[in-house]
N, C-alpha and C. Protein backbone atom coordinates (compact mmCIF):
# COMPACT_ATOMS: atom_id res chain seq x y z
N MET A 1 2.56 -4.32 14.05
CA MET A 1 2.99 -5.02 12.85
C MET A 1 2.18 -6.31 12.72
N GLU A 2 1.83 -6.62 11.50
CA GLU A 2 1.03 -7.82 11.23
C GLU A 2 1.65 -8.59 10.07
N GLY A 3 1.53 -9.93 10.11
CA GLY A 3 1.93 -10.76 8.99
C GLY A 3 3.41 -10.72 8.65
N GLY A 4 4.27 -10.56 9.66
CA GLY A 4 5.71 -10.54 9.42
C GLY A 4 6.25 -9.20 8.94
N ALA A 5 5.43 -8.16 8.99
CA ALA A 5 5.89 -6.83 8.57
C ALA A 5 6.95 -6.31 9.53
N THR A 6 7.90 -5.56 8.98
CA THR A 6 8.91 -4.88 9.79
C THR A 6 9.03 -3.45 9.30
N ALA A 7 9.54 -2.60 10.17
CA ALA A 7 9.66 -1.18 9.80
C ALA A 7 10.91 -0.59 10.42
N THR A 8 11.52 0.32 9.70
CA THR A 8 12.61 1.14 10.20
C THR A 8 12.12 2.58 10.11
N LEU A 9 11.85 3.17 11.27
CA LEU A 9 11.21 4.48 11.30
C LEU A 9 12.08 5.47 12.06
N PRO A 10 12.04 6.73 11.68
CA PRO A 10 12.79 7.73 12.44
C PRO A 10 12.15 7.93 13.82
N ALA A 11 12.96 8.30 14.81
CA ALA A 11 12.44 8.54 16.16
C ALA A 11 11.42 9.68 16.14
N THR A 12 11.68 10.70 15.36
CA THR A 12 10.74 11.81 15.18
C THR A 12 10.74 12.19 13.70
N LEU A 13 9.63 12.73 13.25
CA LEU A 13 9.56 13.17 11.86
C LEU A 13 10.37 14.44 11.66
N THR A 14 11.15 14.48 10.59
CA THR A 14 11.90 15.67 10.22
C THR A 14 11.11 16.38 9.13
N PHE A 15 10.59 17.55 9.46
CA PHE A 15 9.71 18.22 8.52
C PHE A 15 10.51 18.91 7.43
N GLY A 16 10.26 18.47 6.23
CA GLY A 16 10.83 19.03 5.01
C GLY A 16 9.81 18.77 3.93
N SER A 17 10.22 18.69 2.69
CA SER A 17 9.28 18.37 1.63
C SER A 17 9.97 17.47 0.61
N PRO A 18 9.67 16.18 0.61
CA PRO A 18 8.68 15.52 1.45
C PRO A 18 9.24 15.17 2.83
N VAL A 19 8.32 14.81 3.74
CA VAL A 19 8.69 14.36 5.08
C VAL A 19 8.99 12.87 5.01
N PRO A 20 10.24 12.43 5.30
CA PRO A 20 10.55 11.00 5.24
C PRO A 20 9.97 10.25 6.45
N MET A 21 9.15 9.24 6.16
CA MET A 21 8.50 8.48 7.23
C MET A 21 9.21 7.17 7.56
N GLY A 22 10.20 6.77 6.75
CA GLY A 22 10.94 5.55 7.03
C GLY A 22 10.74 4.49 5.97
N GLU A 23 11.05 3.23 6.35
CA GLU A 23 10.98 2.09 5.44
C GLU A 23 10.14 0.99 6.08
N ILE A 24 9.35 0.31 5.24
CA ILE A 24 8.49 -0.78 5.69
C ILE A 24 8.72 -1.97 4.77
N ILE A 25 8.75 -3.17 5.36
CA ILE A 25 8.80 -4.41 4.58
C ILE A 25 7.49 -5.16 4.83
N LEU A 26 6.76 -5.43 3.75
CA LEU A 26 5.51 -6.19 3.80
C LEU A 26 5.73 -7.46 2.98
N PRO A 27 6.16 -8.56 3.64
CA PRO A 27 6.61 -9.73 2.88
C PRO A 27 5.51 -10.55 2.20
N THR A 28 4.28 -10.44 2.68
CA THR A 28 3.19 -11.24 2.13
C THR A 28 1.91 -10.41 2.10
N ALA A 29 0.96 -10.85 1.28
CA ALA A 29 -0.36 -10.24 1.32
C ALA A 29 -0.93 -10.45 2.72
N GLY A 30 -1.54 -9.43 3.27
CA GLY A 30 -2.06 -9.48 4.63
C GLY A 30 -1.12 -8.85 5.64
N ALA A 31 0.14 -8.64 5.27
CA ALA A 31 1.07 -7.97 6.18
C ALA A 31 0.72 -6.48 6.25
N ALA A 32 0.91 -5.89 7.43
CA ALA A 32 0.56 -4.48 7.61
C ALA A 32 1.44 -3.85 8.69
N ALA A 33 1.64 -2.55 8.56
CA ALA A 33 2.40 -1.78 9.54
C ALA A 33 1.75 -0.41 9.67
N ALA A 34 1.68 0.08 10.90
CA ALA A 34 1.10 1.41 11.15
C ALA A 34 2.19 2.35 11.65
N ILE A 35 2.20 3.56 11.12
CA ILE A 35 3.16 4.58 11.51
C ILE A 35 2.42 5.67 12.28
N ALA A 36 2.92 6.01 13.47
CA ALA A 36 2.33 7.08 14.27
C ALA A 36 2.77 8.43 13.73
N VAL A 37 1.82 9.34 13.62
CA VAL A 37 2.08 10.69 13.12
C VAL A 37 1.54 11.68 14.14
N GLY A 38 2.28 12.75 14.39
CA GLY A 38 1.81 13.79 15.30
C GLY A 38 2.57 15.07 15.05
N GLY A 39 2.07 16.15 15.61
CA GLY A 39 2.77 17.42 15.52
C GLY A 39 2.52 18.21 14.25
N LEU A 40 1.50 17.83 13.46
CA LEU A 40 1.21 18.60 12.26
C LEU A 40 0.50 19.90 12.64
N ASP A 41 0.87 20.98 11.97
CA ASP A 41 0.21 22.26 12.22
C ASP A 41 -1.23 22.22 11.71
N ALA A 42 -2.10 22.95 12.37
CA ALA A 42 -3.50 23.02 11.96
C ALA A 42 -3.60 23.51 10.52
N ARG A 43 -4.39 22.82 9.74
CA ARG A 43 -4.70 23.17 8.35
C ARG A 43 -3.50 23.11 7.42
N GLY A 44 -2.37 22.61 7.90
CA GLY A 44 -1.19 22.48 7.04
C GLY A 44 -1.30 21.27 6.14
N ASN A 45 -0.76 21.35 4.95
CA ASN A 45 -0.71 20.23 4.03
C ASN A 45 0.74 19.77 3.92
N TYR A 46 0.98 18.52 4.28
CA TYR A 46 2.33 17.97 4.33
C TYR A 46 2.51 16.88 3.29
N LEU A 47 3.56 16.97 2.49
CA LEU A 47 3.90 15.93 1.54
C LEU A 47 4.77 14.90 2.27
N MET A 48 4.32 13.64 2.29
CA MET A 48 5.00 12.58 3.02
C MET A 48 5.58 11.56 2.04
N GLU A 49 6.60 10.81 2.50
CA GLU A 49 7.18 9.76 1.66
C GLU A 49 7.59 8.59 2.53
N VAL A 50 7.27 7.37 2.07
CA VAL A 50 7.68 6.15 2.74
C VAL A 50 8.15 5.16 1.68
N LEU A 51 9.18 4.39 2.01
CA LEU A 51 9.67 3.34 1.12
C LEU A 51 9.09 2.01 1.57
N VAL A 52 8.47 1.28 0.64
CA VAL A 52 7.82 0.01 0.97
C VAL A 52 8.45 -1.09 0.11
N TYR A 53 8.85 -2.17 0.76
CA TYR A 53 9.46 -3.31 0.09
C TYR A 53 8.56 -4.54 0.22
N GLY A 54 8.68 -5.46 -0.74
CA GLY A 54 8.02 -6.76 -0.62
C GLY A 54 7.02 -7.07 -1.70
N ALA A 55 6.69 -6.12 -2.56
CA ALA A 55 5.64 -6.36 -3.56
C ALA A 55 6.07 -7.31 -4.66
N SER A 56 7.37 -7.46 -4.90
CA SER A 56 7.89 -8.09 -6.12
C SER A 56 7.07 -9.26 -6.63
N SER A 57 6.82 -10.27 -5.81
CA SER A 57 6.05 -11.41 -6.30
C SER A 57 4.96 -11.83 -5.33
N ALA A 58 4.76 -11.06 -4.27
CA ALA A 58 3.84 -11.50 -3.22
C ALA A 58 2.46 -10.84 -3.29
N TRP A 59 2.40 -9.57 -3.66
CA TRP A 59 1.12 -8.85 -3.64
C TRP A 59 1.11 -7.75 -4.69
N ASN A 60 -0.09 -7.24 -5.00
CA ASN A 60 -0.24 -6.31 -6.12
C ASN A 60 -0.76 -4.93 -5.72
N THR A 61 -1.32 -4.76 -4.51
CA THR A 61 -1.93 -3.50 -4.11
C THR A 61 -1.47 -3.10 -2.71
N LEU A 62 -1.05 -1.84 -2.59
CA LEU A 62 -0.72 -1.27 -1.29
C LEU A 62 -1.87 -0.36 -0.87
N ARG A 63 -2.39 -0.60 0.32
CA ARG A 63 -3.47 0.22 0.88
C ARG A 63 -2.88 1.10 1.97
N ALA A 64 -3.14 2.40 1.89
CA ALA A 64 -2.75 3.34 2.95
C ALA A 64 -4.03 3.90 3.54
N GLU A 65 -4.13 3.91 4.87
CA GLU A 65 -5.36 4.36 5.53
C GLU A 65 -5.04 5.19 6.76
N VAL A 66 -5.76 6.30 6.92
CA VAL A 66 -5.64 7.13 8.12
C VAL A 66 -6.53 6.52 9.20
N LEU A 67 -5.97 6.34 10.41
CA LEU A 67 -6.73 5.86 11.55
C LEU A 67 -6.76 6.96 12.62
N ASP A 68 -7.95 7.29 13.04
CA ASP A 68 -8.24 8.41 13.94
C ASP A 68 -8.29 7.91 15.38
N PRO A 69 -7.72 8.65 16.35
CA PRO A 69 -7.88 8.24 17.74
C PRO A 69 -9.35 8.32 18.16
N LEU A 70 -9.78 7.36 18.98
CA LEU A 70 -11.15 7.40 19.48
C LEU A 70 -11.37 8.68 20.27
N ASP A 71 -12.41 9.40 19.90
CA ASP A 71 -12.75 10.64 20.61
C ASP A 71 -14.21 10.96 20.33
N GLY A 72 -14.62 12.17 20.52
CA GLY A 72 -16.03 12.53 20.41
C GLY A 72 -16.55 12.66 18.99
N ASP A 73 -15.71 12.48 17.97
CA ASP A 73 -16.19 12.67 16.60
C ASP A 73 -16.37 11.35 15.83
N ASP A 74 -16.53 10.25 16.55
CA ASP A 74 -16.57 8.95 15.90
C ASP A 74 -17.97 8.46 15.56
N GLY A 75 -18.98 9.28 15.76
CA GLY A 75 -20.36 8.87 15.51
C GLY A 75 -20.65 8.55 14.06
N LEU A 76 -19.87 9.10 13.13
CA LEU A 76 -20.09 8.85 11.71
C LEU A 76 -19.33 7.63 11.19
N ASP A 77 -18.49 7.03 12.02
CA ASP A 77 -17.71 5.88 11.58
C ASP A 77 -18.60 4.73 11.14
N VAL A 78 -18.16 4.03 10.11
CA VAL A 78 -18.84 2.80 9.70
C VAL A 78 -18.31 1.68 10.58
N SER A 79 -19.20 1.02 11.28
CA SER A 79 -18.77 -0.05 12.18
C SER A 79 -19.45 -1.36 11.77
N PRO A 80 -18.90 -2.49 12.16
CA PRO A 80 -17.72 -2.62 13.01
C PRO A 80 -16.45 -2.29 12.23
N TYR A 81 -15.41 -1.90 12.97
CA TYR A 81 -14.13 -1.59 12.35
C TYR A 81 -13.50 -2.87 11.82
N HIS A 82 -12.68 -2.75 10.77
CA HIS A 82 -11.99 -3.93 10.27
C HIS A 82 -10.91 -4.37 11.26
N ALA A 83 -10.43 -5.59 11.09
CA ALA A 83 -9.50 -6.19 12.06
C ALA A 83 -8.19 -5.43 12.20
N GLY A 84 -7.83 -4.60 11.22
CA GLY A 84 -6.57 -3.88 11.27
C GLY A 84 -6.61 -2.61 12.10
N VAL A 85 -7.75 -2.25 12.66
CA VAL A 85 -7.86 -1.03 13.47
C VAL A 85 -7.50 -1.38 14.91
N PRO A 86 -6.40 -0.84 15.46
CA PRO A 86 -5.99 -1.20 16.81
C PRO A 86 -6.88 -0.56 17.87
N ASP A 87 -6.82 -1.10 19.08
CA ASP A 87 -7.56 -0.54 20.21
C ASP A 87 -7.21 0.93 20.38
N GLY A 88 -8.21 1.75 20.67
CA GLY A 88 -7.98 3.17 20.89
C GLY A 88 -8.06 4.00 19.63
N PHE A 89 -8.32 3.35 18.47
CA PHE A 89 -8.39 4.06 17.20
C PHE A 89 -9.66 3.67 16.46
N SER A 90 -10.00 4.47 15.46
CA SER A 90 -11.16 4.22 14.63
C SER A 90 -10.79 4.54 13.19
N THR A 91 -11.66 4.16 12.27
CA THR A 91 -11.44 4.58 10.89
C THR A 91 -11.72 6.07 10.79
N SER A 92 -11.06 6.72 9.87
CA SER A 92 -11.25 8.15 9.68
C SER A 92 -12.44 8.39 8.76
N HIS A 93 -13.14 9.49 8.94
CA HIS A 93 -14.28 9.82 8.09
C HIS A 93 -14.18 11.27 7.62
N GLU A 94 -15.09 11.67 6.79
CA GLU A 94 -15.04 12.97 6.11
C GLU A 94 -15.00 14.15 7.08
N SER A 95 -15.55 14.01 8.29
CA SER A 95 -15.71 15.18 9.17
C SER A 95 -14.73 15.25 10.33
N ASP A 96 -13.79 14.30 10.45
CA ASP A 96 -12.91 14.32 11.63
C ASP A 96 -11.67 15.20 11.46
N GLY A 97 -11.44 15.74 10.26
CA GLY A 97 -10.34 16.67 10.05
C GLY A 97 -9.01 16.03 9.72
N LEU A 98 -8.93 14.71 9.73
CA LEU A 98 -7.70 14.00 9.34
C LEU A 98 -7.90 13.48 7.93
N SER A 99 -6.90 13.64 7.08
CA SER A 99 -7.08 13.19 5.69
C SER A 99 -5.74 13.08 4.98
N PHE A 100 -5.81 12.56 3.76
CA PHE A 100 -4.66 12.54 2.86
C PHE A 100 -4.58 13.86 2.09
N ALA A 101 -4.97 14.94 2.75
CA ALA A 101 -4.90 16.30 2.18
C ALA A 101 -5.64 16.39 0.85
N GLN A 102 -6.87 15.83 0.86
CA GLN A 102 -7.64 15.89 -0.38
C GLN A 102 -7.86 17.33 -0.82
N ARG A 103 -7.91 17.48 -2.12
CA ARG A 103 -8.11 18.77 -2.79
C ARG A 103 -6.95 19.76 -2.56
N ALA A 104 -5.82 19.28 -2.05
CA ALA A 104 -4.67 20.17 -1.84
C ALA A 104 -3.73 20.16 -3.04
N GLY A 105 -3.90 19.23 -3.94
CA GLY A 105 -3.04 19.16 -5.12
C GLY A 105 -1.68 18.55 -4.89
N LEU A 106 -1.49 17.87 -3.74
CA LEU A 106 -0.20 17.23 -3.47
C LEU A 106 -0.09 15.91 -4.23
N GLU A 107 1.13 15.55 -4.57
CA GLU A 107 1.40 14.32 -5.31
C GLU A 107 0.88 13.10 -4.55
N ARG A 108 0.36 12.14 -5.30
CA ARG A 108 -0.01 10.82 -4.77
C ARG A 108 0.52 9.81 -5.76
N SER A 109 1.53 9.05 -5.35
CA SER A 109 2.14 8.11 -6.29
C SER A 109 2.85 6.99 -5.55
N ALA A 110 3.06 5.90 -6.26
CA ALA A 110 3.93 4.81 -5.82
C ALA A 110 4.73 4.43 -7.05
N VAL A 111 6.00 4.79 -7.07
CA VAL A 111 6.85 4.52 -8.23
C VAL A 111 7.91 3.49 -7.85
N PHE A 112 8.33 2.75 -8.86
CA PHE A 112 9.34 1.71 -8.67
C PHE A 112 10.14 1.61 -9.96
N ALA A 113 11.26 0.90 -9.90
CA ALA A 113 12.11 0.76 -11.09
C ALA A 113 11.27 0.16 -12.21
N GLY A 114 11.07 0.91 -13.26
CA GLY A 114 10.34 0.41 -14.42
C GLY A 114 8.85 0.68 -14.43
N GLY A 115 8.32 1.40 -13.45
CA GLY A 115 6.88 1.64 -13.51
C GLY A 115 6.33 2.45 -12.36
N SER A 116 5.01 2.53 -12.35
CA SER A 116 4.31 3.23 -11.27
C SER A 116 2.94 2.62 -11.09
N ALA A 117 2.39 2.80 -9.91
CA ALA A 117 1.08 2.25 -9.58
C ALA A 117 -0.03 3.16 -10.08
N SER A 118 -1.21 2.58 -10.26
CA SER A 118 -2.39 3.41 -10.45
C SER A 118 -2.94 3.72 -9.06
N VAL A 119 -3.50 4.91 -8.87
CA VAL A 119 -3.92 5.36 -7.54
C VAL A 119 -5.40 5.67 -7.55
N THR A 120 -6.12 5.12 -6.56
CA THR A 120 -7.51 5.49 -6.33
C THR A 120 -7.66 5.91 -4.87
N ALA A 121 -8.66 6.75 -4.60
CA ALA A 121 -8.86 7.28 -3.26
C ALA A 121 -10.31 7.13 -2.83
N ASP A 122 -10.49 6.88 -1.54
CA ASP A 122 -11.80 6.97 -0.91
C ASP A 122 -11.59 7.85 0.31
N GLU A 123 -12.00 9.10 0.21
CA GLU A 123 -11.80 10.02 1.33
C GLU A 123 -12.93 11.03 1.46
N GLU A 124 -13.96 10.86 0.68
CA GLU A 124 -15.08 11.78 0.78
C GLU A 124 -16.35 11.05 1.19
N THR A 125 -16.17 9.85 1.77
CA THR A 125 -17.29 9.12 2.37
C THR A 125 -16.92 8.91 3.83
N ASP A 126 -17.83 8.32 4.57
CA ASP A 126 -17.53 8.06 5.98
C ASP A 126 -16.99 6.65 6.21
N SER A 127 -16.73 5.90 5.11
CA SER A 127 -16.27 4.52 5.29
C SER A 127 -14.80 4.45 5.66
N ALA A 128 -13.98 5.37 5.15
CA ALA A 128 -12.54 5.36 5.44
C ALA A 128 -11.88 6.51 4.71
N ASP A 129 -10.71 6.89 5.16
CA ASP A 129 -9.80 7.74 4.37
C ASP A 129 -8.69 6.80 3.92
N LYS A 130 -8.72 6.41 2.64
CA LYS A 130 -7.73 5.44 2.17
C LYS A 130 -7.30 5.75 0.76
N LEU A 131 -6.08 5.34 0.46
CA LEU A 131 -5.50 5.39 -0.87
C LEU A 131 -5.13 3.97 -1.26
N MET A 132 -5.41 3.59 -2.52
CA MET A 132 -5.06 2.27 -3.03
C MET A 132 -4.07 2.46 -4.18
N PHE A 133 -2.89 1.87 -4.03
CA PHE A 133 -1.84 1.92 -5.06
C PHE A 133 -1.79 0.53 -5.69
N SER A 134 -2.30 0.38 -6.91
CA SER A 134 -2.45 -0.94 -7.54
C SER A 134 -1.50 -1.11 -8.72
N GLY A 135 -1.19 -2.38 -9.01
CA GLY A 135 -0.35 -2.71 -10.15
C GLY A 135 1.12 -2.72 -9.82
N VAL A 136 1.48 -3.12 -8.60
CA VAL A 136 2.89 -3.08 -8.19
C VAL A 136 3.56 -4.45 -8.20
N ALA A 137 2.79 -5.52 -8.45
CA ALA A 137 3.41 -6.85 -8.50
C ALA A 137 4.47 -6.88 -9.59
N GLY A 138 5.57 -7.52 -9.30
CA GLY A 138 6.66 -7.59 -10.26
C GLY A 138 7.64 -6.44 -10.15
N SER A 139 7.37 -5.51 -9.26
CA SER A 139 8.32 -4.41 -9.06
C SER A 139 9.58 -4.94 -8.40
N THR A 140 10.68 -4.29 -8.67
CA THR A 140 11.92 -4.66 -8.01
C THR A 140 12.35 -3.52 -7.11
N GLY A 141 12.94 -3.83 -6.00
CA GLY A 141 13.38 -2.80 -5.07
C GLY A 141 12.21 -2.18 -4.34
N ALA A 142 12.36 -0.91 -4.02
CA ALA A 142 11.38 -0.22 -3.18
C ALA A 142 10.28 0.42 -4.00
N LEU A 143 9.10 0.50 -3.39
CA LEU A 143 8.06 1.39 -3.87
C LEU A 143 8.29 2.71 -3.14
N ARG A 144 8.46 3.79 -3.87
CA ARG A 144 8.60 5.11 -3.27
C ARG A 144 7.20 5.72 -3.26
N VAL A 145 6.56 5.68 -2.07
CA VAL A 145 5.16 6.07 -1.94
C VAL A 145 5.09 7.50 -1.41
N THR A 146 4.38 8.36 -2.14
CA THR A 146 4.29 9.78 -1.82
C THR A 146 2.82 10.16 -1.74
N PHE A 147 2.47 10.95 -0.71
CA PHE A 147 1.07 11.35 -0.51
C PHE A 147 1.05 12.53 0.46
N GLY A 148 -0.08 13.20 0.52
CA GLY A 148 -0.25 14.31 1.46
C GLY A 148 -0.93 13.88 2.73
N LEU A 149 -0.73 14.64 3.80
CA LEU A 149 -1.45 14.46 5.06
C LEU A 149 -1.89 15.82 5.58
N ARG A 150 -3.04 15.83 6.24
CA ARG A 150 -3.53 17.07 6.86
C ARG A 150 -4.24 16.73 8.17
N ASP A 151 -3.97 17.51 9.21
CA ASP A 151 -4.71 17.48 10.47
C ASP A 151 -5.35 18.85 10.61
N TYR A 152 -6.62 18.96 10.31
CA TYR A 152 -7.30 20.26 10.28
C TYR A 152 -7.21 20.97 11.63
N ASP A 153 -7.32 20.21 12.73
CA ASP A 153 -7.27 20.81 14.07
C ASP A 153 -5.84 21.04 14.54
N GLY A 154 -4.90 20.25 14.06
CA GLY A 154 -3.49 20.38 14.43
C GLY A 154 -3.15 19.71 15.75
N GLY A 155 -1.92 19.20 15.84
CA GLY A 155 -1.38 18.67 17.09
C GLY A 155 -1.88 17.32 17.53
N ARG A 156 -2.71 16.66 16.76
CA ARG A 156 -3.23 15.35 17.19
C ARG A 156 -2.27 14.23 16.81
N ASN A 157 -2.36 13.13 17.54
CA ASN A 157 -1.59 11.93 17.23
C ASN A 157 -2.53 10.94 16.55
N PHE A 158 -2.13 10.42 15.40
CA PHE A 158 -2.96 9.47 14.66
C PHE A 158 -2.04 8.49 13.96
N LEU A 159 -2.63 7.54 13.25
CA LEU A 159 -1.86 6.51 12.56
C LEU A 159 -2.10 6.54 11.06
N VAL A 160 -1.08 6.16 10.30
CA VAL A 160 -1.25 5.83 8.89
C VAL A 160 -0.85 4.36 8.77
N ARG A 161 -1.82 3.54 8.38
CA ARG A 161 -1.61 2.09 8.29
C ARG A 161 -1.39 1.71 6.83
N PHE A 162 -0.34 0.93 6.58
CA PHE A 162 -0.01 0.42 5.25
C PHE A 162 -0.22 -1.08 5.25
N SER A 163 -0.99 -1.59 4.29
CA SER A 163 -1.21 -3.03 4.22
C SER A 163 -1.06 -3.53 2.80
N ALA A 164 -0.55 -4.76 2.67
CA ALA A 164 -0.35 -5.42 1.39
C ALA A 164 -1.59 -6.22 1.06
N GLU A 165 -2.16 -6.01 -0.14
CA GLU A 165 -3.39 -6.68 -0.52
C GLU A 165 -3.25 -7.29 -1.91
N ASP A 166 -4.24 -8.09 -2.29
CA ASP A 166 -4.29 -8.74 -3.60
C ASP A 166 -3.08 -9.65 -3.81
N ALA A 167 -3.10 -10.80 -3.14
CA ALA A 167 -2.01 -11.76 -3.25
C ALA A 167 -1.81 -12.17 -4.70
N VAL A 168 -0.55 -12.33 -5.08
CA VAL A 168 -0.20 -12.79 -6.41
C VAL A 168 -0.12 -14.31 -6.36
N ALA A 169 -0.89 -14.98 -7.22
CA ALA A 169 -0.92 -16.44 -7.23
C ALA A 169 0.40 -16.98 -7.79
N THR A 170 0.93 -17.97 -7.12
CA THR A 170 2.11 -18.66 -7.64
C THR A 170 1.65 -20.01 -8.16
N PRO A 171 2.11 -20.41 -9.35
CA PRO A 171 1.65 -21.68 -9.93
C PRO A 171 2.03 -22.87 -9.06
N GLU A 172 1.14 -23.86 -9.02
CA GLU A 172 1.43 -25.08 -8.28
C GLU A 172 2.52 -25.85 -9.03
N PRO A 173 3.30 -26.67 -8.31
CA PRO A 173 4.35 -27.46 -8.99
C PRO A 173 3.81 -28.32 -10.13
N ALA A 174 2.63 -28.94 -9.96
CA ALA A 174 2.07 -29.79 -11.01
C ALA A 174 1.77 -28.96 -12.26
N SER A 175 1.27 -27.74 -12.07
CA SER A 175 0.99 -26.87 -13.21
C SER A 175 2.28 -26.51 -13.93
N MET A 176 3.34 -26.28 -13.18
CA MET A 176 4.62 -25.94 -13.80
C MET A 176 5.15 -27.12 -14.63
N ILE A 177 4.94 -28.35 -14.14
CA ILE A 177 5.37 -29.53 -14.89
C ILE A 177 4.60 -29.62 -16.21
N LEU A 178 3.29 -29.40 -16.16
CA LEU A 178 2.48 -29.45 -17.38
C LEU A 178 2.91 -28.38 -18.37
N ILE A 179 3.18 -27.19 -17.88
CA ILE A 179 3.64 -26.11 -18.77
C ILE A 179 4.97 -26.49 -19.40
N GLY A 180 5.89 -27.02 -18.59
CA GLY A 180 7.20 -27.42 -19.10
C GLY A 180 7.08 -28.53 -20.14
N THR A 181 6.21 -29.53 -19.89
CA THR A 181 6.01 -30.62 -20.83
C THR A 181 5.43 -30.10 -22.15
N GLY A 182 4.47 -29.19 -22.05
CA GLY A 182 3.89 -28.60 -23.25
C GLY A 182 4.91 -27.84 -24.07
N LEU A 183 5.77 -27.07 -23.41
CA LEU A 183 6.81 -26.31 -24.11
C LEU A 183 7.81 -27.25 -24.78
N ALA A 184 8.14 -28.34 -24.10
CA ALA A 184 9.08 -29.31 -24.69
C ALA A 184 8.46 -29.95 -25.93
N GLY A 185 7.15 -30.27 -25.86
CA GLY A 185 6.47 -30.85 -27.01
C GLY A 185 6.44 -29.90 -28.20
N LEU A 186 6.20 -28.61 -27.92
CA LEU A 186 6.20 -27.63 -29.01
C LEU A 186 7.59 -27.51 -29.64
N ALA A 187 8.61 -27.56 -28.83
CA ALA A 187 9.98 -27.47 -29.35
C ALA A 187 10.29 -28.68 -30.24
N ALA A 188 9.86 -29.87 -29.82
CA ALA A 188 10.11 -31.08 -30.62
C ALA A 188 9.36 -30.99 -31.94
N LEU A 189 8.12 -30.52 -31.90
CA LEU A 189 7.33 -30.38 -33.13
C LEU A 189 8.01 -29.40 -34.09
N ARG A 190 8.52 -28.33 -33.56
CA ARG A 190 9.18 -27.32 -34.41
C ARG A 190 10.44 -27.90 -35.06
N ARG A 191 11.19 -28.71 -34.29
CA ARG A 191 12.40 -29.34 -34.85
C ARG A 191 12.03 -30.29 -36.00
N ARG A 192 10.95 -31.08 -35.78
CA ARG A 192 10.54 -32.04 -36.81
C ARG A 192 10.10 -31.29 -38.07
N ARG A 193 9.37 -30.21 -37.91
CA ARG A 193 8.93 -29.45 -39.09
C ARG A 193 10.13 -28.88 -39.83
N GLY A 194 11.11 -28.46 -39.08
CA GLY A 194 12.32 -27.91 -39.71
C GLY A 194 13.05 -28.95 -40.54
N ARG A 195 12.97 -30.24 -40.16
CA ARG A 195 13.62 -31.32 -40.89
C ARG A 195 12.71 -31.91 -41.96
N GLY A 196 11.45 -31.50 -41.96
CA GLY A 196 10.50 -32.04 -42.93
C GLY A 196 9.93 -33.37 -42.52
N ASP A 197 9.98 -33.77 -41.24
CA ASP A 197 9.47 -35.06 -40.78
C ASP A 197 7.96 -35.09 -40.57
N VAL A 198 7.32 -33.96 -40.50
CA VAL A 198 5.91 -33.92 -40.16
C VAL A 198 5.06 -34.06 -41.42
N MET A 199 4.00 -34.89 -41.36
CA MET A 199 3.15 -35.09 -42.53
C MET A 199 2.23 -33.93 -42.75
């Protein structure tokens, strides 16, 4: 866990459709949590779901990334790895067999009360297997994040890392005072015009 992130995860995954992965709280931009995944059948496509909290006013984009255990297939990885890759793992690439089940037609979404995120993917290059769910700032409650997973070889243990990105700027107190003063001035001008006091 990074940046104050917390998670409530099941002891083991219960395979259904979708597979519930638990709940994550990402309180600030830069917070991240990784969920361990294992036991997927070879070539199976699994629909997964995780609930993510914290976007409301802190960040605008949720990044989901597959992290591959270090093994003999890491020669195509783009290095150096980013700071969020833990020891013993690497970024996933097109040829390692771990993915968000690209081309399987499984749902990819992040929905919340009153809206949904736009989704982009990078999974056909060697830089990473990642999904970006953007436009979630201002959401209330949970983001219900749904996506596919596939382990082409089956039975491997790997990680799915969720990180909060694109911090939402909060106005400085001085800026808020200026905005408030301007609004008060406009209200006074409108009152004067209503009484006919303005030349």
